[in-house]
Amino acid sequence: MKAADTIIEDQNAIASKLRDYAVLFKLRLSFLVVVSASLGYLMAVDKIIWVDFLILVFGGFLVTGSSNAFNQVWEKDLDKIMDRTQMRPLPQGKIQVSEALIAASIAGALGIGLLWILLNPLSGVLGLLALFLYVFIYTPLKPISSIAVFVGAIPGAIPPMLGYVAGSGAFGLEAGILFAVQFMWQFPHFWAIAWVLDDDYKKGGYRLLPFKEGRSKRSAFQIVLYTAILIPVSLLPWAIPFEQPMIGNIAMLVSSLMGIWFLWLAYKLYRSLEKKDAKKLMFASFLYLPVIQLVYVLDKL
């Protein structure tokens, strides 16, 4: 009986440790990032090379998880203060800092190595750039200035470009356009989150809305402005006359309608300045990007 109890305790301990690492590496967020990279890959190829595709998925997942883990190491003391982060494994002492650093380093090196060696060097460079900017520039800037949002939008927009480069083997205007769409999307997306969580962010000393006064008319107008700019940017794959169009009229129509809907929600926030409207915009942003990118791929196919 004692042996059986010991086995159950060991299994529970392993399951608990795996859950802690899932939080450390932010598996759900990493999954969404990998989906974006995968759709970028599908935009670049006429035929899927499954070995390359799986290397991209696994390598991208490792790099993203590594970035998230390094981020939590850097912010562990501030995470103790904020309601939404105080139960993370580092503030709770479930994972030690040295352990997290080793895991993040191994994951990052392995992920970049897979992208660089088994796909192409440019994919590895993009993975390394995303990790470096996220961990060493964006993360330390967050408590200092709202400019961190602009900096963070760069590594945040790399995944679809990385996916395209992984498929095409070269960087070009098409990859840059996919980067631009995701880059512009991040501003209404992240500012909507910052609006909802502004009180909690302030506990950690973060000022992530566009202006110091936080939930203000000026900040809301900035959200509307960037959401409006996103509409023409999302139509660039259709508007630029490539020899072989990136997308057709169906994707153009869906992108336009999604953009108008997204802009309407941003305008509602501008009118009300209410947290409930920021939540609607936030949830809409989670839907907007994968729908747009998926429609790009389906229309291309």
C-alpha atoms as a PDB file:
ATOM      1  CA  MET A   1       0.000   0.000   0.000  1.00  0.00           C
ATOM      2  CA  LYS A   2       2.826   2.385   0.885  1.00  0.00           C
ATOM      3  CA  ALA A   3       4.525   1.658  -2.434  1.00  0.00           C
ATOM      4  CA  ALA A   4       1.297   2.445  -4.294  1.00  0.00           C
ATOM      5  CA  ASP A   5       0.891   5.671  -2.305  1.00  0.00           C
ATOM      6  CA  THR A   6       4.461   6.625  -3.139  1.00  0.00           C
ATOM      7  CA  ILE A   7       3.859   6.036  -6.848  1.00  0.00           C
ATOM      8  CA  ILE A   8       0.718   8.192  -6.750  1.00  0.00           C
ATOM      9  CA  GLU A   9       2.584  10.951  -4.901  1.00  0.00           C
ATOM     10  CA  ASP A  10       5.393  10.830  -7.468  1.00  0.00           C
ATOM     11  CA  GLN A  11       2.894  10.998 -10.322  1.00  0.00           C
ATOM     12  CA  ASN A  12       1.148  13.964  -8.705  1.00  0.00           C
ATOM     13  CA  ALA A  13       4.480  15.711  -8.195  1.00  0.00           C
ATOM     14  CA  ILE A  14       5.414  15.196 -11.851  1.00  0.00           C
ATOM     15  CA  ALA A  15       2.004  16.423 -13.016  1.00  0.00           C
ATOM     16  CA  SER A  16       2.306  19.494 -10.765  1.00  0.00           C
ATOM     17  CA  LYS A  17       5.794  20.260 -12.109  1.00  0.00           C
ATOM     18  CA  LEU A  18       4.563  19.946 -15.690  1.00  0.00           C
ATOM     19  CA  ARG A  19       1.717  22.372 -14.941  1.00  0.00           C
ATOM     20  CA  ASP A  20       4.229  24.819 -13.475  1.00  0.00           C
ATOM     21  CA  TYR A  21       6.352  24.621 -16.617  1.00  0.00           C
ATOM     22  CA  ALA A  22       3.251  25.087 -18.769  1.00  0.00           C
ATOM     23  CA  VAL A  23       2.679  28.378 -16.928  1.00  0.00           C
ATOM     24  CA  LEU A  24       6.358  29.337 -17.106  1.00  0.00           C
ATOM     25  CA  PHE A  25       6.457  28.773 -20.867  1.00  0.00           C
ATOM     26  CA  LYS A  26       2.897  30.143 -21.345  1.00  0.00           C
ATOM     27  CA  LEU A  27       1.798  27.222 -23.492  1.00  0.00           C
ATOM     28  CA  ARG A  28      -1.447  28.787 -24.703  1.00  0.00           C
ATOM     29  CA  LEU A  29       0.253  31.995 -25.800  1.00  0.00           C
ATOM     30  CA  SER A  30       3.078  30.004 -27.376  1.00  0.00           C
ATOM     31  CA  PHE A  31       0.505  27.965 -29.281  1.00  0.00           C
ATOM     32  CA  LEU A  32      -1.086  31.107 -30.749  1.00  0.00           C
ATOM     33  CA  VAL A  33       2.333  32.428 -31.784  1.00  0.00           C
ATOM     34  CA  VAL A  34       3.164  29.141 -33.503  1.00  0.00           C
ATOM     35  CA  VAL A  35      -0.197  29.206 -35.320  1.00  0.00           C
ATOM     36  CA  SER A  36       0.716  32.643 -36.686  1.00  0.00           C
ATOM     37  CA  ALA A  37       4.123  31.374 -37.855  1.00  0.00           C
ATOM     38  CA  SER A  38       2.519  28.292 -39.407  1.00  0.00           C
ATOM     39  CA  LEU A  39       0.052  30.391 -41.396  1.00  0.00           C
ATOM     40  CA  GLY A  40       2.953  32.546 -42.598  1.00  0.00           C
ATOM     41  CA  TYR A  41       4.661  29.373 -43.817  1.00  0.00           C
ATOM     42  CA  LEU A  42       1.530  28.293 -45.693  1.00  0.00           C
ATOM     43  CA  MET A  43       1.424  31.677 -47.427  1.00  0.00           C
ATOM     44  CA  ALA A  44       4.918  31.031 -48.811  1.00  0.00           C
ATOM     45  CA  VAL A  45       4.647  27.486 -50.140  1.00  0.00           C
ATOM     46  CA  ASP A  46       2.675  25.729 -52.845  1.00  0.00           C
ATOM     47  CA  LYS A  47       3.297  22.335 -51.261  1.00  0.00           C
ATOM     48  CA  ILE A  48       3.891  21.624 -47.587  1.00  0.00           C
ATOM     49  CA  ILE A  49       7.202  19.970 -46.756  1.00  0.00           C
ATOM     50  CA  TRP A  50       6.090  18.337 -43.532  1.00  0.00           C
ATOM     51  CA  VAL A  51       9.572  17.939 -42.048  1.00  0.00           C
ATOM     52  CA  ASP A  52      10.241  21.663 -42.467  1.00  0.00           C
ATOM     53  CA  PHE A  53       6.788  22.527 -41.174  1.00  0.00           C
ATOM     54  CA  LEU A  54       7.261  20.456 -38.006  1.00  0.00           C
ATOM     55  CA  ILE A  55      10.722  21.940 -37.436  1.00  0.00           C
ATOM     56  CA  LEU A  56       9.190  25.419 -37.703  1.00  0.00           C
ATOM     57  CA  VAL A  57       6.426  24.520 -35.227  1.00  0.00           C
ATOM     58  CA  PHE A  58       8.757  22.896 -32.704  1.00  0.00           C
ATOM     59  CA  GLY A  59      11.540  25.456 -33.060  1.00  0.00           C
ATOM     60  CA  GLY A  60       9.108  28.368 -32.886  1.00  0.00           C
ATOM     61  CA  PHE A  61       7.437  26.889 -29.839  1.00  0.00           C
ATOM     62  CA  LEU A  62      10.790  26.530 -28.039  1.00  0.00           C
ATOM     63  CA  VAL A  63      11.890  30.096 -28.837  1.00  0.00           C
ATOM     64  CA  THR A  64       8.546  31.543 -27.744  1.00  0.00           C
ATOM     65  CA  GLY A  65       8.492  29.478 -24.550  1.00  0.00           C
ATOM     66  CA  SER A  66      12.057  30.532 -23.797  1.00  0.00           C
ATOM     67  CA  SER A  67      11.147  34.213 -24.226  1.00  0.00           C
ATOM     68  CA  ASN A  68       8.189  33.836 -21.886  1.00  0.00           C
ATOM     69  CA  ALA A  69      10.284  32.067 -19.250  1.00  0.00           C
ATOM     70  CA  PHE A  70      13.054  34.689 -19.357  1.00  0.00           C
ATOM     71  CA  ASN A  71      10.364  37.370 -19.106  1.00  0.00           C
ATOM     72  CA  GLN A  72       8.976  35.802 -15.922  1.00  0.00           C
ATOM     73  CA  VAL A  73      12.434  35.523 -14.391  1.00  0.00           C
ATOM     74  CA  TRP A  74      13.002  39.204 -15.063  1.00  0.00           C
ATOM     75  CA  GLU A  75       9.623  40.214 -13.627  1.00  0.00           C
ATOM     76  CA  LYS A  76       9.351  37.738 -10.729  1.00  0.00           C
ATOM     77  CA  ASP A  77       9.411  40.419  -8.017  1.00  0.00           C
ATOM     78  CA  LEU A  78       6.779  42.546  -9.767  1.00  0.00           C
ATOM     79  CA  ASP A  79       4.667  39.452 -10.443  1.00  0.00           C
ATOM     80  CA  LYS A  80       4.322  38.993  -6.676  1.00  0.00           C
ATOM     81  CA  ILE A  81       2.496  42.325  -6.465  1.00  0.00           C
ATOM     82  CA  MET A  82      -0.055  41.968  -9.272  1.00  0.00           C
ATOM     83  CA  ASP A  83      -3.223  39.916  -8.869  1.00  0.00           C
ATOM     84  CA  ARG A  84      -3.075  38.239 -12.279  1.00  0.00           C
ATOM     85  CA  THR A  85       0.552  37.061 -11.914  1.00  0.00           C
ATOM     86  CA  GLN A  86       1.123  36.382  -8.215  1.00  0.00           C
ATOM     87  CA  MET A  87       0.228  32.686  -8.598  1.00  0.00           C
ATOM     88  CA  ARG A  88       2.890  32.056 -11.232  1.00  0.00           C
ATOM     89  CA  PRO A  89       5.472  29.398 -10.288  1.00  0.00           C
ATOM     90  CA  LEU A  90       8.390  31.794  -9.690  1.00  0.00           C
ATOM     91  CA  PRO A  91       6.585  34.121  -7.233  1.00  0.00           C
ATOM     92  CA  GLN A  92       5.170  31.030  -5.521  1.00  0.00           C
ATOM     93  CA  GLY A  93       8.610  29.416  -5.255  1.00  0.00           C
ATOM     94  CA  LYS A  94       7.479  26.325  -7.157  1.00  0.00           C
ATOM     95  CA  ILE A  95      10.298  26.822  -9.661  1.00  0.00           C
ATOM     96  CA  GLN A  96      13.614  28.341  -8.619  1.00  0.00           C
ATOM     97  CA  VAL A  97      15.198  31.150 -10.636  1.00  0.00           C
ATOM     98  CA  SER A  98      18.253  29.046 -11.520  1.00  0.00           C
ATOM     99  CA  GLU A  99      16.012  26.224 -12.727  1.00  0.00           C
ATOM    100  CA  ALA A 100      13.941  28.603 -14.863  1.00  0.00           C
ATOM    101  CA  LEU A 101      17.078  30.179 -16.361  1.00  0.00           C
ATOM    102  CA  ILE A 102      18.496  26.793 -17.306  1.00  0.00           C
ATOM    103  CA  ALA A 103      15.215  25.649 -18.866  1.00  0.00           C
ATOM    104  CA  ALA A 104      14.788  28.936 -20.771  1.00  0.00           C
ATOM    105  CA  SER A 105      18.382  28.861 -22.020  1.00  0.00           C
ATOM    106  CA  ILE A 106      18.150  25.270 -23.231  1.00  0.00           C
ATOM    107  CA  ALA A 107      14.801  25.876 -24.952  1.00  0.00           C
ATOM    108  CA  GLY A 108      16.017  29.088 -26.610  1.00  0.00           C
ATOM    109  CA  ALA A 109      19.302  27.610 -27.842  1.00  0.00           C
ATOM    110  CA  LEU A 110      17.617  24.457 -29.127  1.00  0.00           C
ATOM    111  CA  GLY A 111      14.825  26.391 -30.854  1.00  0.00           C
ATOM    112  CA  ILE A 112      17.162  28.839 -32.576  1.00  0.00           C
ATOM    113  CA  GLY A 113      19.486  25.977 -33.537  1.00  0.00           C
ATOM    114  CA  LEU A 114      16.651  24.038 -35.152  1.00  0.00           C
ATOM    115  CA  LEU A 115      15.491  27.069 -37.130  1.00  0.00           C
ATOM    116  CA  TRP A 116      19.016  28.078 -38.151  1.00  0.00           C
ATOM    117  CA  ILE A 117      20.503  24.702 -39.015  1.00  0.00           C
ATOM    118  CA  LEU A 118      17.565  22.613 -40.193  1.00  0.00           C
ATOM    119  CA  LEU A 119      15.558  25.339 -41.979  1.00  0.00           C
ATOM    120  CA  ASN A 120      17.731  28.279 -43.024  1.00  0.00           C
ATOM    121  CA  PRO A 121      20.020  30.823 -41.308  1.00  0.00           C
ATOM    122  CA  LEU A 122      17.601  33.720 -41.857  1.00  0.00           C
ATOM    123  CA  SER A 123      14.891  31.884 -39.904  1.00  0.00           C
ATOM    124  CA  GLY A 124      17.369  31.398 -37.068  1.00  0.00           C
ATOM    125  CA  VAL A 125      18.328  35.072 -37.138  1.00  0.00           C
ATOM    126  CA  LEU A 126      14.671  36.099 -36.927  1.00  0.00           C
ATOM    127  CA  GLY A 127      14.101  33.728 -33.997  1.00  0.00           C
ATOM    128  CA  LEU A 128      17.166  35.099 -32.200  1.00  0.00           C
ATOM    129  CA  LEU A 129      16.096  38.688 -32.900  1.00  0.00           C
ATOM    130  CA  ALA A 130      12.607  38.057 -31.541  1.00  0.00           C
ATOM    131  CA  LEU A 131      13.969  36.510 -28.348  1.00  0.00           C
ATOM    132  CA  PHE A 132      16.548  39.256 -27.810  1.00  0.00           C
ATOM    133  CA  LEU A 133      14.142  42.151 -28.370  1.00  0.00           C
ATOM    134  CA  TYR A 134      11.430  40.615 -26.183  1.00  0.00           C
ATOM    135  CA  VAL A 135      13.656  39.660 -23.251  1.00  0.00           C
ATOM    136  CA  PHE A 136      16.355  42.333 -23.196  1.00  0.00           C
ATOM    137  CA  ILE A 137      14.620  45.423 -24.628  1.00  0.00           C
ATOM    138  CA  TYR A 138      10.840  45.124 -24.239  1.00  0.00           C
ATOM    139  CA  THR A 139      10.778  43.520 -20.781  1.00  0.00           C
ATOM    140  CA  PRO A 140      13.043  46.031 -18.971  1.00  0.00           C
ATOM    141  CA  LEU A 141      11.283  48.942 -20.721  1.00  0.00           C
ATOM    142  CA  LYS A 142       7.815  48.012 -19.400  1.00  0.00           C
ATOM    143  CA  PRO A 143       8.183  49.725 -15.996  1.00  0.00           C
ATOM    144  CA  ILE A 144       9.904  52.742 -17.547  1.00  0.00           C
ATOM    145  CA  SER A 145       7.830  53.929 -20.475  1.00  0.00           C
ATOM    146  CA  SER A 146       4.806  53.121 -22.625  1.00  0.00           C
ATOM    147  CA  ILE A 147       7.254  53.073 -25.553  1.00  0.00           C
ATOM    148  CA  ALA A 148       7.696  49.442 -24.517  1.00  0.00           C
ATOM    149  CA  VAL A 149       4.508  48.652 -26.438  1.00  0.00           C
ATOM    150  CA  PHE A 150       6.090  49.869 -29.681  1.00  0.00           C
ATOM    151  CA  VAL A 151       9.278  47.925 -29.010  1.00  0.00           C
ATOM    152  CA  GLY A 152       7.351  44.791 -28.045  1.00  0.00           C
ATOM    153  CA  ALA A 153       5.327  44.974 -31.244  1.00  0.00           C
ATOM    154  CA  ILE A 154       8.483  44.163 -33.235  1.00  0.00           C
ATOM    155  CA  PRO A 155       9.198  40.688 -31.808  1.00  0.00           C
ATOM    156  CA  GLY A 156       5.455  40.179 -31.570  1.00  0.00           C
ATOM    157  CA  ALA A 157       5.134  40.646 -35.339  1.00  0.00           C
ATOM    158  CA  ILE A 158       8.059  38.427 -36.327  1.00  0.00           C
ATOM    159  CA  PRO A 159       6.253  35.008 -36.247  1.00  0.00           C
ATOM    160  CA  PRO A 160       4.341  35.259 -39.580  1.00  0.00           C
ATOM    161  CA  MET A 161       7.412  36.764 -41.244  1.00  0.00           C
ATOM    162  CA  LEU A 162       9.565  33.966 -39.818  1.00  0.00           C
ATOM    163  CA  GLY A 163       7.083  31.397 -41.103  1.00  0.00           C
ATOM    164  CA  TYR A 164       7.136  32.934 -44.583  1.00  0.00           C
ATOM    165  CA  VAL A 165      10.932  33.026 -44.632  1.00  0.00           C
ATOM    166  CA  ALA A 166      11.050  29.422 -43.409  1.00  0.00           C
ATOM    167  CA  GLY A 167       8.923  28.422 -46.393  1.00  0.00           C
ATOM    168  CA  SER A 168      10.473  30.637 -49.051  1.00  0.00           C
ATOM    169  CA  GLY A 169      14.085  30.611 -47.905  1.00  0.00           C
ATOM    170  CA  ALA A 170      14.379  34.345 -48.528  1.00  0.00           C
ATOM    171  CA  PHE A 171      13.117  37.640 -47.195  1.00  0.00           C
ATOM    172  CA  GLY A 172      10.974  39.810 -49.457  1.00  0.00           C
ATOM    173  CA  LEU A 173       8.113  42.262 -49.594  1.00  0.00           C
ATOM    174  CA  GLU A 174       5.541  39.525 -48.981  1.00  0.00           C
ATOM    175  CA  ALA A 175       7.154  38.584 -45.663  1.00  0.00           C
ATOM    176  CA  GLY A 176       7.369  42.258 -44.748  1.00  0.00           C
ATOM    177  CA  ILE A 177       3.656  42.741 -45.395  1.00  0.00           C
ATOM    178  CA  LEU A 178       2.734  39.866 -43.066  1.00  0.00           C
ATOM    179  CA  PHE A 179       4.976  41.481 -40.465  1.00  0.00           C
ATOM    180  CA  ALA A 180       3.282  44.864 -40.973  1.00  0.00           C
ATOM    181  CA  VAL A 181      -0.231  43.467 -40.500  1.00  0.00           C
ATOM    182  CA  GLN A 182       0.632  41.753 -37.227  1.00  0.00           C
ATOM    183  CA  PHE A 183       2.684  44.766 -36.102  1.00  0.00           C
ATOM    184  CA  MET A 184      -0.247  47.176 -36.484  1.00  0.00           C
ATOM    185  CA  TRP A 185      -2.725  44.724 -34.947  1.00  0.00           C
ATOM    186  CA  GLN A 186      -0.753  44.599 -31.721  1.00  0.00           C
ATOM    187  CA  PHE A 187      -1.482  48.191 -30.740  1.00  0.00           C
ATOM    188  CA  PRO A 188      -5.271  47.958 -30.359  1.00  0.00           C
ATOM    189  CA  HIS A 189      -4.807  44.405 -29.061  1.00  0.00           C
ATOM    190  CA  PHE A 190      -2.329  45.265 -26.335  1.00  0.00           C
ATOM    191  CA  TRP A 191      -3.832  48.628 -25.418  1.00  0.00           C
ATOM    192  CA  ALA A 192      -7.225  46.969 -24.957  1.00  0.00           C
ATOM    193  CA  ILE A 193      -5.582  44.512 -22.552  1.00  0.00           C
ATOM    194  CA  ALA A 194      -3.752  47.357 -20.811  1.00  0.00           C
ATOM    195  CA  TRP A 195      -7.049  49.258 -20.455  1.00  0.00           C
ATOM    196  CA  VAL A 196      -8.740  46.284 -18.792  1.00  0.00           C
ATOM    197  CA  LEU A 197      -5.766  45.565 -16.505  1.00  0.00           C
ATOM    198  CA  ASP A 198      -4.619  49.137 -15.907  1.00  0.00           C
ATOM    199  CA  ASP A 199      -5.259  49.046 -12.149  1.00  0.00           C
ATOM    200  CA  ASP A 200      -3.313  45.808 -11.760  1.00  0.00           C
ATOM    201  CA  TYR A 201      -0.490  47.012 -14.006  1.00  0.00           C
ATOM    202  CA  LYS A 202      -0.136  50.132 -11.869  1.00  0.00           C
ATOM    203  CA  LYS A 203       0.527  47.937  -8.826  1.00  0.00           C
ATOM    204  CA  GLY A 204       3.605  46.651 -10.617  1.00  0.00           C
ATOM    205  CA  GLY A 205       4.631  50.133 -11.746  1.00  0.00           C
ATOM    206  CA  TYR A 206       3.681  49.601 -15.382  1.00  0.00           C
ATOM    207  CA  ARG A 207       2.267  52.436 -17.479  1.00  0.00           C
ATOM    208  CA  LEU A 208       1.365  50.712 -20.722  1.00  0.00           C
ATOM    209  CA  LEU A 209      -1.483  52.815 -22.095  1.00  0.00           C
ATOM    210  CA  PRO A 210      -0.397  55.467 -24.614  1.00  0.00           C
ATOM    211  CA  PHE A 211      -0.549  58.418 -22.211  1.00  0.00           C
ATOM    212  CA  LYS A 212       0.340  58.876 -18.536  1.00  0.00           C
ATOM    213  CA  GLU A 213      -3.227  59.637 -17.494  1.00  0.00           C
ATOM    214  CA  GLY A 214      -4.122  56.048 -18.366  1.00  0.00           C
ATOM    215  CA  ARG A 215      -7.782  55.436 -19.249  1.00  0.00           C
ATOM    216  CA  SER A 216      -8.356  58.746 -20.979  1.00  0.00           C
ATOM    217  CA  LYS A 217      -9.904  60.174 -24.125  1.00  0.00           C
ATOM    218  CA  ARG A 218      -6.435  60.672 -25.581  1.00  0.00           C
ATOM    219  CA  SER A 219      -5.489  57.034 -25.025  1.00  0.00           C
ATOM    220  CA  ALA A 220      -8.802  55.877 -26.501  1.00  0.00           C
ATOM    221  CA  PHE A 221      -8.297  58.084 -29.573  1.00  0.00           C
ATOM    222  CA  GLN A 222      -4.862  56.537 -30.073  1.00  0.00           C
ATOM    223  CA  ILE A 223      -6.486  53.101 -30.062  1.00  0.00           C
ATOM    224  CA  VAL A 224      -9.026  54.237 -32.665  1.00  0.00           C
ATOM    225  CA  LEU A 225      -6.286  55.742 -34.832  1.00  0.00           C
ATOM    226  CA  TYR A 226      -4.148  52.603 -34.914  1.00  0.00           C
ATOM    227  CA  THR A 227      -7.194  50.395 -35.492  1.00  0.00           C
ATOM    228  CA  ALA A 228      -8.140  52.564 -38.459  1.00  0.00           C
ATOM    229  CA  ILE A 229      -4.606  52.322 -39.899  1.00  0.00           C
ATOM    230  CA  LEU A 230      -4.796  48.541 -39.560  1.00  0.00           C
ATOM    231  CA  ILE A 231      -7.543  48.383 -42.226  1.00  0.00           C
ATOM    232  CA  PRO A 232      -5.459  49.592 -45.214  1.00  0.00           C
ATOM    233  CA  VAL A 233      -2.409  47.714 -43.923  1.00  0.00           C
ATOM    234  CA  SER A 234      -4.439  44.467 -43.863  1.00  0.00           C
ATOM    235  CA  LEU A 235      -5.350  45.076 -47.528  1.00  0.00           C
ATOM    236  CA  LEU A 236      -1.729  45.398 -48.717  1.00  0.00           C
ATOM    237  CA  PRO A 237      -1.520  41.704 -49.728  1.00  0.00           C
ATOM    238  CA  TRP A 238      -4.410  42.396 -52.110  1.00  0.00           C
ATOM    239  CA  ALA A 239      -3.510  45.931 -53.220  1.00  0.00           C
ATOM    240  CA  ILE A 240       0.156  45.463 -54.159  1.00  0.00           C
ATOM    241  CA  PRO A 241       0.416  44.146 -57.736  1.00  0.00           C
ATOM    242  CA  PHE A 242       2.666  41.119 -57.310  1.00  0.00           C
ATOM    243  CA  GLU A 243       3.220  38.854 -60.318  1.00  0.00           C
ATOM    244  CA  GLN A 244       1.271  36.231 -58.403  1.00  0.00           C
ATOM    245  CA  PRO A 245      -1.219  37.918 -56.029  1.00  0.00           C
ATOM    246  CA  MET A 246      -0.867  37.071 -52.355  1.00  0.00           C
ATOM    247  CA  ILE A 247      -4.640  37.064 -51.841  1.00  0.00           C
ATOM    248  CA  GLY A 248      -7.795  37.560 -53.884  1.00  0.00           C
ATOM    249  CA  ASN A 249     -11.067  39.437 -53.589  1.00  0.00           C
ATOM    250  CA  ILE A 250     -12.597  37.143 -50.965  1.00  0.00           C
ATOM    251  CA  ALA A 251      -9.801  37.794 -48.473  1.00  0.00           C
ATOM    252  CA  MET A 252      -9.957  41.498 -49.323  1.00  0.00           C
ATOM    253  CA  LEU A 253     -13.666  41.586 -48.508  1.00  0.00           C
ATOM    254  CA  VAL A 254     -13.325  39.620 -45.273  1.00  0.00           C
ATOM    255  CA  SER A 255     -10.372  41.766 -44.171  1.00  0.00           C
ATOM    256  CA  SER A 256     -12.334  44.934 -44.837  1.00  0.00           C
ATOM    257  CA  LEU A 257     -15.403  43.753 -42.930  1.00  0.00           C
ATOM    258  CA  MET A 258     -13.325  42.493 -40.002  1.00  0.00           C
ATOM    259  CA  GLY A 259     -11.424  45.766 -39.929  1.00  0.00           C
ATOM    260  CA  ILE A 260     -14.614  47.859 -39.915  1.00  0.00           C
ATOM    261  CA  TRP A 261     -16.035  45.725 -37.101  1.00  0.00           C
ATOM    262  CA  PHE A 262     -12.795  46.052 -35.127  1.00  0.00           C
ATOM    263  CA  LEU A 263     -12.776  49.826 -35.681  1.00  0.00           C
ATOM    264  CA  TRP A 264     -16.399  50.107 -34.545  1.00  0.00           C
ATOM    265  CA  LEU A 265     -15.517  48.442 -31.243  1.00  0.00           C
ATOM    266  CA  ALA A 266     -12.541  50.772 -30.803  1.00  0.00           C
ATOM    267  CA  TYR A 267     -14.829  53.754 -31.460  1.00  0.00           C
ATOM    268  CA  LYS A 268     -17.303  52.471 -28.856  1.00  0.00           C
ATOM    269  CA  LEU A 269     -14.484  52.452 -26.324  1.00  0.00           C
ATOM    270  CA  TYR A 270     -13.602  56.015 -27.334  1.00  0.00           C
ATOM    271  CA  ARG A 271     -17.199  57.074 -26.737  1.00  0.00           C
ATOM    272  CA  SER A 272     -17.664  55.346 -23.381  1.00  0.00           C
ATOM    273  CA  LEU A 273     -14.160  54.926 -21.879  1.00  0.00           C
ATOM    274  CA  GLU A 274     -15.690  51.934 -20.082  1.00  0.00           C
ATOM    275  CA  LYS A 275     -13.771  48.807 -19.149  1.00  0.00           C
ATOM    276  CA  LYS A 276     -16.588  46.639 -20.550  1.00  0.00           C
ATOM    277  CA  ASP A 277     -16.029  48.087 -24.023  1.00  0.00           C
ATOM    278  CA  ALA A 278     -12.281  47.552 -23.672  1.00  0.00           C
ATOM    279  CA  LYS A 279     -13.011  43.886 -22.894  1.00  0.00           C
ATOM    280  CA  LYS A 280     -15.102  43.606 -26.047  1.00  0.00           C
ATOM    281  CA  LEU A 281     -12.250  45.094 -28.067  1.00  0.00           C
ATOM    282  CA  MET A 282      -9.757  42.781 -26.363  1.00  0.00           C
ATOM    283  CA  PHE A 283     -11.741  39.631 -27.158  1.00  0.00           C
ATOM    284  CA  ALA A 284     -12.341  40.879 -30.702  1.00  0.00           C
ATOM    285  CA  SER A 285      -8.581  41.251 -31.143  1.00  0.00           C
ATOM    286  CA  PHE A 286      -8.087  37.594 -30.210  1.00  0.00           C
ATOM    287  CA  LEU A 287     -10.487  36.677 -33.013  1.00  0.00           C
ATOM    288  CA  TYR A 288      -9.434  39.246 -35.617  1.00  0.00           C
ATOM    289  CA  LEU A 289      -5.846  38.187 -36.303  1.00  0.00           C
ATOM    290  CA  PRO A 290      -6.246  34.395 -36.728  1.00  0.00           C
ATOM    291  CA  VAL A 291      -9.345  34.941 -38.882  1.00  0.00           C
ATOM    292  CA  ILE A 292      -7.516  37.377 -41.154  1.00  0.00           C
ATOM    293  CA  GLN A 293      -4.442  35.178 -41.472  1.00  0.00           C
ATOM    294  CA  LEU A 294      -6.493  32.041 -42.039  1.00  0.00           C
ATOM    295  CA  VAL A 295      -8.556  33.761 -44.740  1.00  0.00           C
ATOM    296  CA  TYR A 296      -5.313  34.883 -46.411  1.00  0.00           C
ATOM    297  CA  VAL A 297      -4.183  31.257 -46.594  1.00  0.00           C
ATOM    298  CA  LEU A 298      -7.540  29.853 -47.731  1.00  0.00           C
ATOM    299  CA  ASP A 299      -7.914  32.490 -50.431  1.00  0.00           C
ATOM    300  CA  LYS A 300      -4.368  31.845 -51.661  1.00  0.00           C
ATOM    301  CA  LEU A 301      -5.091  28.124 -51.842  1.00  0.00           C
END
